[in-house]
């Protein structure tokens, strides 16, 4: 039996026009059947055509496409797990102290925050590959079970690496530079990376086949970064991507140290090098890209490669400010990612959009050529969709697209006063918070309404997560905590040399 509904609003922002602006359909409605948009028009006409369909939203609702978090890793944040904001390279060492968190509960924790801020699709990049391939597979299935239970759309990948696990240099050479009492402990840590690159590629094929019929699940590829991957590994991922037409998401040029590493290793920029190995083009997204050069940007634009802008992360880990205005001027597709956590240590996409809106303003009297609210909305919707395996089926509300959307309470946004000349979309992007969201729909199903998740008990999940984190530290967790602290000064010296 078909599942249908009508979503109405005072203003529907369905798709941007050729000029990039999102024109509103006033007093309009969307009719969806089994998760696909079938009809859009005036509310009166849609209701007359489908009189038996249930109606959600109201004549005071603002309707937008669901947001897409283009770059996500974990649930409990590094701050919650005891790691402060440090420069990225030191932060990664300190993160060795992170405790094990049940992947099902951890995933649900961040999914609650994302959905509550209007995110309907997430690119989940499973970072860290400690343990056997069987352990990674078990974690992947628990992550996907969590997203299925909460009703969120996901593209899952593993951030795979095969070298330089501690610093941007040879593991054995770094270990040899350490005091003798630290060498055995560090080698113990390195020995825990049991799974090979080929095993991860095989796991990708297994999961992709097993979830081929799941409408809310896709799999993609994520070679971790140039410094973490040998040329052979990068070629393998490029070959798989081309053969199966699967997207790649690669961290690249996040910090100055990564830029310097690329030049030292290859004699050219990191992007030029990975592009020479086949990692460039419309199937490839660069995560961060803070330290891209002018020639990089031209090559990225010419090749049709995408960029995912992780503004909060770049600020928090002192990586720099990505040249977003340069991305924009070249017509490069931009997605938005909240990464580990946003500027307020949560996964609030509305907050991330507002940060991006304000972070790239130029000094002076010229108010043109900076991101507009409409552009930021495009980044958070269509821009993100293009970086996922779901592609053009997401990010806008037009006939044939997925019925993934979010409705806002206009009265809450505009209360106690809003000048009539303030554009509705501008006001929403500048003012809306999660408390203003009425409902979130994924694949035609309302998964969040009036602050309540419809398919899962949020309080029960959070209580289980809290109880899980009260357990005593394991021996491995204690060792990781001590090692992360002990290695910090040696890692700092490595980058200073």
Protein backbone atom coordinates (compact mmCIF):
# COMPACT_ATOMS: atom_id res chain seq x y z
CA UNK A 1 0.00 0.00 0.00
CA UNK A 2 1.37 3.41 -0.96
CA UNK A 3 2.39 5.87 1.74
CA UNK A 4 1.43 9.42 0.81
CA UNK A 5 1.29 12.85 2.40
CA UNK A 6 0.98 16.53 1.63
CA UNK A 7 3.47 18.99 3.08
CA UNK A 8 2.23 22.57 3.07
CA UNK A 9 3.71 25.92 3.98
CA UNK A 10 3.43 29.64 3.60
CA UNK A 11 6.76 29.55 1.75
CA UNK A 12 8.31 26.54 0.01
CA UNK A 13 11.93 26.86 -1.05
CA UNK A 14 12.23 24.01 -3.50
CA UNK A 15 15.14 24.66 -5.87
CA UNK A 16 17.42 27.60 -6.74
CA UNK A 17 16.99 29.34 -10.05
CA UNK A 18 19.68 29.95 -12.70
CA UNK A 19 20.79 33.04 -10.76
CA UNK A 20 21.37 30.96 -7.62
CA UNK A 21 18.46 32.51 -5.74
CA UNK A 22 15.85 30.37 -4.04
CA UNK A 23 12.45 31.77 -5.05
CA UNK A 24 9.63 30.89 -2.68
CA UNK A 25 6.42 29.19 -3.71
CA UNK A 26 3.89 30.96 -1.50
CA UNK A 27 0.97 29.07 0.04
CA UNK A 28 2.22 26.01 -1.71
CA UNK A 29 2.42 22.28 -1.05
CA UNK A 30 4.27 19.13 -1.98
CA UNK A 31 2.65 15.76 -2.55
CA UNK A 32 4.88 12.75 -1.94
CA UNK A 33 4.27 9.07 -2.51
CA UNK A 34 6.54 6.40 -1.01
CA UNK A 35 9.29 8.89 -0.37
CA UNK A 36 9.35 10.54 -3.81
CA UNK A 37 8.03 14.00 -4.66
CA UNK A 38 5.21 13.57 -7.21
CA UNK A 39 3.58 16.98 -7.36
CA UNK A 40 4.25 20.58 -6.33
CA UNK A 41 1.92 23.53 -6.57
CA UNK A 42 -0.61 25.71 -4.83
CA UNK A 43 -1.88 24.10 -1.65
CA UNK A 44 -5.51 24.31 -2.79
CA UNK A 45 -4.69 22.53 -6.05
CA UNK A 46 -2.58 19.83 -4.40
CA UNK A 47 -5.26 19.16 -1.79
CA UNK A 48 -7.97 18.96 -4.47
CA UNK A 49 -5.88 16.49 -6.46
CA UNK A 50 -5.09 14.32 -3.43
CA UNK A 51 -7.97 14.79 -0.98
CA UNK A 52 -7.28 11.60 0.99
CA UNK A 53 -3.61 12.30 1.72
CA UNK A 54 -2.74 13.38 5.27
CA UNK A 55 -1.43 16.94 5.59
CA UNK A 56 1.58 18.06 7.62
CA UNK A 57 2.81 21.61 8.07
CA UNK A 58 0.58 24.65 8.10
CA UNK A 59 0.00 28.01 6.47
CA UNK A 60 2.68 29.36 8.84
CA UNK A 61 5.36 26.81 7.99
CA UNK A 62 8.53 27.41 5.99
CA UNK A 63 9.56 24.33 3.99
CA UNK A 64 13.16 23.65 2.94
CA UNK A 65 14.99 20.63 1.53
CA UNK A 66 16.67 18.56 4.22
CA UNK A 67 20.25 19.56 4.98
CA UNK A 68 23.25 17.35 4.21
CA UNK A 69 26.18 17.07 6.60
CA UNK A 70 28.93 16.34 4.11
CA UNK A 71 31.66 15.36 6.59
CA UNK A 72 31.02 13.58 9.89
CA UNK A 73 32.96 11.17 12.11
CA UNK A 74 31.77 10.53 15.66
CA UNK A 75 29.03 10.90 18.27
CA UNK A 76 30.57 11.80 21.63
CA UNK A 77 32.86 14.70 20.82
CA UNK A 78 36.60 14.86 21.48
CA UNK A 79 35.88 17.39 24.23
CA UNK A 80 33.51 14.94 25.88
CA UNK A 81 36.18 12.25 25.61
CA UNK A 82 38.88 14.41 27.17
CA UNK A 83 40.76 15.97 24.26
CA UNK A 84 40.94 19.79 24.08
CA UNK A 85 41.16 21.79 20.87
CA UNK A 86 44.82 21.62 19.81
CA UNK A 87 46.52 22.12 16.46
CA UNK A 88 45.33 19.21 14.33
CA UNK A 89 48.57 17.25 14.34
CA UNK A 90 48.85 17.36 18.15
CA UNK A 91 45.13 16.82 18.58
CA UNK A 92 45.38 13.56 16.62
CA UNK A 93 48.06 12.33 19.04
CA UNK A 94 46.02 13.38 22.07
CA UNK A 95 43.04 11.52 20.63
CA UNK A 96 44.86 8.26 21.35
CA UNK A 97 43.38 8.66 24.81
CA UNK A 98 39.80 8.37 23.54
CA UNK A 99 37.73 5.64 25.13
CA UNK A 100 35.86 2.97 23.21
CA UNK A 101 32.26 4.02 22.61
CA UNK A 102 29.58 1.58 21.51
CA UNK A 103 29.12 2.45 17.79
CA UNK A 104 25.35 2.03 17.82
CA UNK A 105 24.77 4.34 20.78
CA UNK A 106 27.48 6.76 19.64
CA UNK A 107 25.94 7.08 16.19
CA UNK A 108 22.47 7.69 17.58
CA UNK A 109 23.82 10.42 19.88
CA UNK A 110 25.04 12.57 16.99
CA UNK A 111 22.12 11.57 14.75
CA UNK A 112 19.75 13.09 17.32
CA UNK A 113 21.62 16.40 17.11
CA UNK A 114 21.80 16.37 13.33
CA UNK A 115 18.15 15.54 12.74
CA UNK A 116 17.06 18.11 15.32
CA UNK A 117 18.85 20.79 13.27
CA UNK A 118 17.35 19.70 9.95
CA UNK A 119 20.03 17.31 8.67
CA UNK A 120 18.43 14.44 6.78
CA UNK A 121 21.56 12.94 5.16
CA UNK A 122 25.05 12.46 6.53
CA UNK A 123 28.34 11.34 5.07
CA UNK A 124 29.68 9.24 7.92
CA UNK A 125 33.42 8.71 7.60
CA UNK A 126 34.42 6.06 10.11
CA UNK A 127 37.80 7.31 11.35
CA UNK A 128 40.40 5.05 12.92
CA UNK A 129 40.89 1.47 11.86
CA UNK A 130 42.16 -0.23 15.03
CA UNK A 131 41.47 -3.95 15.23
CA UNK A 132 40.63 -6.68 12.75
CA UNK A 133 38.54 -6.35 9.63
CA UNK A 134 35.84 -8.35 11.41
CA UNK A 135 35.69 -5.70 14.13
CA UNK A 136 35.42 -2.95 11.52
CA UNK A 137 32.63 -4.81 9.77
CA UNK A 138 30.73 -5.30 13.03
CA UNK A 139 31.08 -1.57 13.82
CA UNK A 140 29.89 -0.62 10.34
CA UNK A 141 26.76 -2.73 10.67
CA UNK A 142 26.00 -1.19 14.07
CA UNK A 143 26.43 2.31 12.65
CA UNK A 144 24.09 1.54 9.78
CA UNK A 145 21.57 -0.07 12.15
CA UNK A 146 21.55 3.14 14.19
CA UNK A 147 20.81 5.32 11.19
CA UNK A 148 18.11 2.93 10.01
CA UNK A 149 16.49 2.88 13.45
CA UNK A 150 16.39 6.67 13.73
CA UNK A 151 15.32 7.04 10.08
CA UNK A 152 18.24 9.07 8.75
CA UNK A 153 19.86 8.76 5.32
CA UNK A 154 23.58 7.87 5.34
CA UNK A 155 26.55 7.33 3.08
CA UNK A 156 29.18 5.34 5.00
CA UNK A 157 32.90 5.03 4.33
CA UNK A 158 36.05 4.01 6.19
CA UNK A 159 38.95 6.44 6.46
CA UNK A 160 41.64 4.00 5.34
CA UNK A 161 45.36 4.54 5.86
CA UNK A 162 48.46 2.41 5.45
CA UNK A 163 51.33 4.59 6.68
CA UNK A 164 52.44 7.50 8.90
CA UNK A 165 49.91 6.72 11.63
CA UNK A 166 51.48 8.98 14.28
CA UNK A 167 53.18 11.87 12.49
CA UNK A 168 53.70 12.92 8.89
CA UNK A 169 56.69 10.64 8.57
CA UNK A 170 57.74 7.01 8.72
CA UNK A 171 56.34 5.19 11.76
CA UNK A 172 59.50 3.17 12.43
CA UNK A 173 61.73 6.24 12.24
CA UNK A 174 59.49 8.16 14.65
CA UNK A 175 59.39 5.27 17.11
CA UNK A 176 63.18 4.98 16.96
CA UNK A 177 63.47 8.64 17.94
CA UNK A 178 61.52 8.08 21.15
CA UNK A 179 62.95 7.21 24.56
CA UNK A 180 63.35 3.47 24.96
CA UNK A 181 60.57 3.18 27.54
CA UNK A 182 58.08 4.69 25.04
CA UNK A 183 59.10 2.61 22.04
CA UNK A 184 57.48 -0.65 23.12
CA UNK A 185 54.27 1.11 24.13
CA UNK A 186 54.09 2.92 20.80
CA UNK A 187 54.80 -0.27 18.86
CA UNK A 188 51.97 -1.92 20.82
CA UNK A 189 49.63 0.80 19.61
CA UNK A 190 50.75 0.42 15.99
CA UNK A 191 50.31 -3.35 16.17
CA UNK A 192 46.59 -2.89 16.77
CA UNK A 193 46.03 -1.79 13.15
CA UNK A 194 45.43 -5.28 11.86
CA UNK A 195 43.31 -4.82 8.74
CA UNK A 196 44.91 -4.32 5.33
CA UNK A 197 43.86 -1.93 2.58
CA UNK A 198 42.69 -4.86 0.44
CA UNK A 199 40.51 -6.09 3.30
CA UNK A 200 38.86 -2.67 3.55
CA UNK A 201 38.18 -2.61 -0.16
CA UNK A 202 36.63 -6.06 0.12
CA UNK A 203 34.54 -4.85 3.07
CA UNK A 204 33.28 -1.99 0.90
CA UNK A 205 32.11 -4.52 -1.70
CA UNK A 206 30.47 -6.72 0.94
CA UNK A 207 28.55 -3.91 2.59
CA UNK A 208 27.58 -2.36 -0.71
CA UNK A 209 26.06 -5.64 -1.83
CA UNK A 210 24.35 -6.33 1.49
CA UNK A 211 22.69 -2.89 1.62
CA UNK A 212 21.92 -2.55 -2.07
CA UNK A 213 18.19 -2.63 -1.40
CA UNK A 214 18.24 -0.16 1.50
CA UNK A 215 16.92 3.16 0.21
CA UNK A 216 18.53 5.16 3.00
CA UNK A 217 22.01 3.59 2.83
CA UNK A 218 24.91 4.03 0.42
CA UNK A 219 28.60 3.12 0.61
CA UNK A 220 31.53 5.11 -0.69
CA UNK A 221 35.32 5.33 -0.42
CA UNK A 222 37.60 7.39 1.81
CA UNK A 223 41.36 7.04 1.41
CA UNK A 224 42.36 9.08 4.45
CA UNK A 225 44.84 11.66 3.11
CA UNK A 226 48.02 11.88 1.07
CA UNK A 227 50.29 11.56 4.09
CA UNK A 228 48.35 8.54 5.38
CA UNK A 229 48.23 6.68 2.07
CA UNK A 230 50.92 5.28 -0.18
CA UNK A 231 50.65 5.88 -3.92
CA UNK A 232 49.68 2.24 -4.38
CA UNK A 233 46.76 2.61 -1.99
CA UNK A 234 45.56 5.80 -3.66
CA UNK A 235 45.65 4.09 -7.07
CA UNK A 236 43.61 1.18 -5.72
CA UNK A 237 40.91 3.50 -4.50
CA UNK A 238 40.92 5.45 -7.76
CA UNK A 239 40.50 2.21 -9.70
CA UNK A 240 37.59 1.01 -7.55
CA UNK A 241 35.92 4.42 -7.82
CA UNK A 242 36.16 4.42 -11.59
CA UNK A 243 35.11 0.78 -12.05
CA UNK A 244 32.02 1.03 -9.86
CA UNK A 245 31.26 4.75 -10.30
CA UNK A 246 31.52 5.33 -6.56
CA UNK A 247 32.41 8.68 -4.92
CA UNK A 248 35.64 9.28 -3.01
CA UNK A 249 35.93 11.65 -0.04
CA UNK A 250 39.55 12.42 0.89
CA UNK A 251 40.89 14.75 3.56
CA UNK A 252 43.46 16.99 1.91
CA UNK A 253 45.42 20.18 2.57
CA UNK A 254 43.78 20.73 5.93
CA UNK A 255 46.86 22.34 7.51
CA UNK A 256 50.10 24.00 6.48
CA UNK A 257 51.97 20.90 7.63
CA UNK A 258 49.99 18.83 5.16
CA UNK A 259 50.82 21.30 2.40
CA UNK A 260 54.51 21.10 3.28
CA UNK A 261 54.38 17.31 3.41
CA UNK A 262 52.97 17.09 -0.10
CA UNK A 263 55.71 19.29 -1.51
CA UNK A 264 58.41 17.34 0.31
CA UNK A 265 57.11 13.92 -0.71
CA UNK A 266 56.13 14.62 -4.31
CA UNK A 267 57.73 17.89 -5.38
CA UNK A 268 54.30 19.31 -6.18
CA UNK A 269 51.08 20.13 -4.37
CA UNK A 270 49.13 17.41 -2.62
CA UNK A 271 46.17 17.84 -4.95
CA UNK A 272 48.30 17.78 -8.09
CA UNK A 273 49.78 14.51 -6.88
CA UNK A 274 46.54 12.72 -5.98
CA UNK A 275 45.03 13.98 -9.24
CA UNK A 276 47.89 12.34 -11.13
CA UNK A 277 46.90 9.06 -9.45
CA UNK A 278 43.29 9.35 -10.58
CA UNK A 279 41.77 11.02 -7.52
CA UNK A 280 40.14 14.06 -9.11
CA UNK A 281 36.95 14.79 -10.97
CA UNK A 282 33.22 14.70 -10.35
CA UNK A 283 33.42 11.56 -8.19
CA UNK A 284 35.94 13.14 -5.79
CA UNK A 285 35.41 15.46 -2.83
CA UNK A 286 38.24 17.13 -0.95
CA UNK A 287 37.58 17.51 2.74
CA UNK A 288 38.88 20.87 4.05
CA UNK A 289 41.16 22.19 1.25
CA UNK A 290 42.25 25.07 3.49
CA UNK A 291 45.76 25.29 2.02
CA UNK A 292 44.94 24.99 -1.68
CA UNK A 293 47.01 27.17 -3.98
CA UNK A 294 45.84 29.22 -6.95
CA UNK A 295 46.97 26.46 -9.31
CA UNK A 296 45.22 23.86 -7.12
CA UNK A 297 41.99 25.82 -7.32
CA UNK A 298 42.20 26.07 -11.10
CA UNK A 299 42.82 22.33 -11.38
CA UNK A 300 39.99 21.54 -8.95
CA UNK A 301 37.60 23.72 -10.94
CA UNK A 302 38.70 22.39 -14.33
CA UNK A 303 38.38 18.77 -13.18
CA UNK A 304 34.97 19.22 -11.56
CA UNK A 305 36.24 18.10 -8.17
CA UNK A 306 34.09 19.05 -5.15
CA UNK A 307 35.12 20.69 -1.88
CA UNK A 308 33.62 20.10 1.55
CA UNK A 309 34.04 23.12 3.79
CA UNK A 310 34.37 22.26 7.50
CA UNK A 311 34.41 25.75 8.95
CA UNK A 312 34.05 24.98 12.67
CA UNK A 313 36.73 22.32 12.59
CA UNK A 314 39.16 24.61 10.78
CA UNK A 315 38.70 27.24 13.49
CA UNK A 316 38.81 24.87 16.43
CA UNK A 317 41.95 22.99 15.33
CA UNK A 318 43.77 26.12 14.15
CA UNK A 319 43.98 24.88 10.58
CA UNK A 320 43.22 28.23 8.97
CA UNK A 321 40.38 29.76 6.99
CA UNK A 322 39.50 27.99 3.76
CA UNK A 323 39.46 30.24 0.65
CA UNK A 324 35.73 29.84 0.16
CA UNK A 325 35.41 33.01 -1.89
CA UNK A 326 38.02 31.61 -4.27
CA UNK A 327 36.07 28.35 -4.47
CA UNK A 328 32.94 30.33 -5.27
CA UNK A 329 34.53 32.57 -7.89
CA UNK A 330 35.67 29.49 -9.83
CA UNK A 331 32.30 27.78 -9.69
CA UNK A 332 33.59 24.91 -7.54
CA UNK A 333 30.80 22.92 -5.90
CA UNK A 334 30.91 23.38 -2.12
CA UNK A 335 29.40 21.11 0.51
CA UNK A 336 29.27 21.82 4.24
CA UNK A 337 30.48 19.48 6.97
CA UNK A 338 30.26 19.80 10.74
CA UNK A 339 33.15 17.30 11.09
CA UNK A 340 33.85 16.07 14.65
CA UNK A 341 31.72 18.84 16.17
CA UNK A 342 30.64 22.40 15.49
CA UNK A 343 31.83 25.59 17.10
CA UNK A 344 29.53 24.95 20.09
CA UNK A 345 30.60 21.29 20.36
CA UNK A 346 27.46 19.88 18.78
CA UNK A 347 26.13 18.97 15.32
CA UNK A 348 23.89 21.97 14.70
CA UNK A 349 23.84 22.53 10.93
CA UNK A 350 21.93 25.80 11.26
CA UNK A 351 24.75 27.12 13.40
CA UNK A 352 27.34 25.87 10.90
CA UNK A 353 25.55 27.60 8.05
CA UNK A 354 25.50 30.86 9.99
CA UNK A 355 29.21 30.53 10.76
CA UNK A 356 30.00 30.05 7.07
CA UNK A 357 27.79 33.01 6.18
CA UNK A 358 29.87 35.29 8.41
CA UNK A 359 33.37 33.81 8.32
CA UNK A 360 34.18 34.80 4.74
CA UNK A 361 33.25 38.46 4.69
CA UNK A 362 35.85 40.82 3.30
CA UNK A 363 37.03 43.94 5.03
CA UNK A 364 35.91 47.24 3.55
CA UNK A 365 32.86 48.84 2.00
CA UNK A 366 32.31 46.36 -0.83
CA UNK A 367 29.42 44.15 0.26
CA UNK A 368 29.36 42.02 -2.87
CA UNK A 369 31.16 38.77 -3.65
CA UNK A 370 30.69 37.15 -0.25
CA UNK A 371 28.44 34.19 0.56
CA UNK A 372 24.74 35.03 0.69
CA UNK A 373 22.10 33.16 2.69
CA UNK A 374 20.89 31.58 -0.55
CA UNK A 375 24.39 30.34 -1.39
CA UNK A 376 24.90 28.92 2.06
CA UNK A 377 21.59 27.07 1.77
CA UNK A 378 22.76 25.65 -1.56
CA UNK A 379 26.01 24.47 0.05
CA UNK A 380 24.05 22.74 2.80
CA UNK A 381 21.68 21.03 0.36
CA UNK A 382 22.48 20.65 -3.34
CA UNK A 383 26.20 21.16 -2.78
CA UNK A 384 26.30 18.33 -0.27
CA UNK A 385 24.07 16.08 -2.35
CA UNK A 386 26.48 16.20 -5.28
CA UNK A 387 29.24 14.74 -3.09
CA UNK A 388 27.18 11.69 -2.11
CA UNK A 389 26.19 8.54 -4.01
CA UNK A 390 22.57 9.81 -3.83
CA UNK A 391 23.52 12.69 -6.14
CA UNK A 392 20.82 14.86 -7.67
CA UNK A 393 18.06 12.87 -5.96
CA UNK A 394 18.72 14.94 -2.83
CA UNK A 395 19.16 18.59 -1.97
CA UNK A 396 16.13 20.07 -3.69
CA UNK A 397 12.38 19.55 -3.72
CA UNK A 398 11.27 18.89 -7.26
CA UNK A 399 9.29 16.16 -8.92
CA UNK A 400 11.24 12.90 -8.89
CA UNK A 401 13.47 13.84 -5.95
CA UNK A 402 13.48 12.21 -2.53
CA UNK A 403 10.98 13.64 -0.07
CA UNK A 404 13.61 14.72 2.47
CA UNK A 405 12.65 18.04 4.00
CA UNK A 406 12.37 20.18 7.10
CA UNK A 407 9.64 22.62 8.14
CA UNK A 408 10.13 25.66 10.36
CA UNK A 409 7.69 27.63 12.50
CA UNK A 410 7.70 31.09 10.92
CA UNK A 411 5.94 32.66 13.88
CA UNK A 412 8.76 31.60 16.21
CA UNK A 413 11.44 32.88 13.85
CA UNK A 414 9.77 36.25 13.33
CA UNK A 415 8.59 36.82 16.93
CA UNK A 416 8.37 39.36 18.52
CA UNK A 417 8.99 41.47 15.41
CA UNK A 418 10.51 41.25 11.95
CA UNK A 419 10.45 44.02 9.37
CA UNK A 420 8.32 43.13 6.35
CA UNK A 421 11.22 44.01 4.04
CA UNK A 422 13.45 41.28 5.48
CA UNK A 423 13.45 38.36 3.01
CA UNK A 424 12.04 35.18 4.51
CA UNK A 425 15.01 33.02 3.57
CA UNK A 426 17.51 35.57 4.89
CA UNK A 427 15.67 35.70 8.19
CA UNK A 428 15.58 31.92 8.46
CA UNK A 429 19.27 31.40 7.72
CA UNK A 430 20.27 34.20 10.08
CA UNK A 431 17.86 33.50 12.94
CA UNK A 432 16.50 29.95 12.96
CA UNK A 433 17.60 27.51 15.65
CA UNK A 434 16.66 23.86 16.22
CA UNK A 435 13.84 24.94 18.55
CA UNK A 436 12.11 26.51 15.52
CA UNK A 437 11.93 23.20 13.62
CA UNK A 438 8.46 21.68 13.48
CA UNK A 439 9.26 18.42 11.74
CA UNK A 440 11.89 16.57 9.75
CA UNK A 441 10.90 14.16 6.98
CA UNK A 442 13.19 11.55 5.42
CA UNK A 443 12.06 9.46 2.48
CA UNK A 444 8.48 10.64 3.01
CA UNK A 445 8.39 9.62 6.67
CA UNK A 446 8.23 12.08 9.56
CA UNK A 447 11.13 11.02 11.79
CA UNK A 448 11.16 14.04 14.12
CA UNK A 449 8.24 16.23 15.15
CA UNK A 450 7.80 18.84 17.86
CA UNK A 451 11.05 17.86 19.53
CA UNK A 452 10.33 14.11 19.58
CA UNK A 453 11.88 11.32 17.49
CA UNK A 454 9.05 9.23 16.13
CA UNK A 455 10.80 5.87 15.73
CA UNK A 456 13.12 5.62 18.70
CA UNK A 457 13.21 6.57 22.37
CA UNK A 458 15.87 9.28 22.68
CA UNK A 459 15.86 9.29 26.49
CA UNK A 460 16.38 5.53 26.64
CA UNK A 461 19.31 5.73 24.21
CA UNK A 462 21.01 8.54 26.11
CA UNK A 463 20.57 6.74 29.43
CA UNK A 464 22.15 3.62 27.95
CA UNK A 465 25.02 5.68 26.53
CA UNK A 466 25.60 7.37 29.88
CA UNK A 467 25.62 4.01 31.67
CA UNK A 468 27.97 2.58 29.03
CA UNK A 469 30.47 5.38 29.63
CA UNK A 470 30.45 4.85 33.41
CA UNK A 471 32.12 1.44 33.07
CA UNK A 472 35.69 1.07 34.39
CA UNK A 473 38.54 1.77 32.03
CA UNK A 474 39.94 -1.26 30.26
CA UNK A 475 43.66 -1.93 30.29
CA UNK A 476 43.86 -0.90 26.63
CA UNK A 477 42.04 2.37 27.36
CA UNK A 478 44.37 3.17 30.23
CA UNK A 479 47.39 2.47 28.01
CA UNK A 480 46.00 4.67 25.24
CA UNK A 481 45.40 7.55 27.64
CA UNK A 482 48.95 7.42 28.98
CA UNK A 483 50.45 7.05 25.51
CA UNK A 484 48.52 10.00 24.06
CA UNK A 485 49.81 12.29 26.80
CA UNK A 486 53.36 10.93 26.68
CA UNK A 487 53.78 11.32 22.91
CA UNK A 488 52.63 14.94 22.73
CA UNK A 489 56.01 16.64 23.32
CA UNK A 490 57.76 14.36 20.84
CA UNK A 491 55.13 14.99 18.19
CA UNK A 492 55.48 18.74 18.80
CA UNK A 493 59.26 18.46 18.35
CA UNK A 494 58.77 16.51 15.12
CA UNK A 495 56.79 19.34 13.52
CA UNK A 496 59.12 22.02 14.86
CA UNK A 497 62.18 20.40 13.31
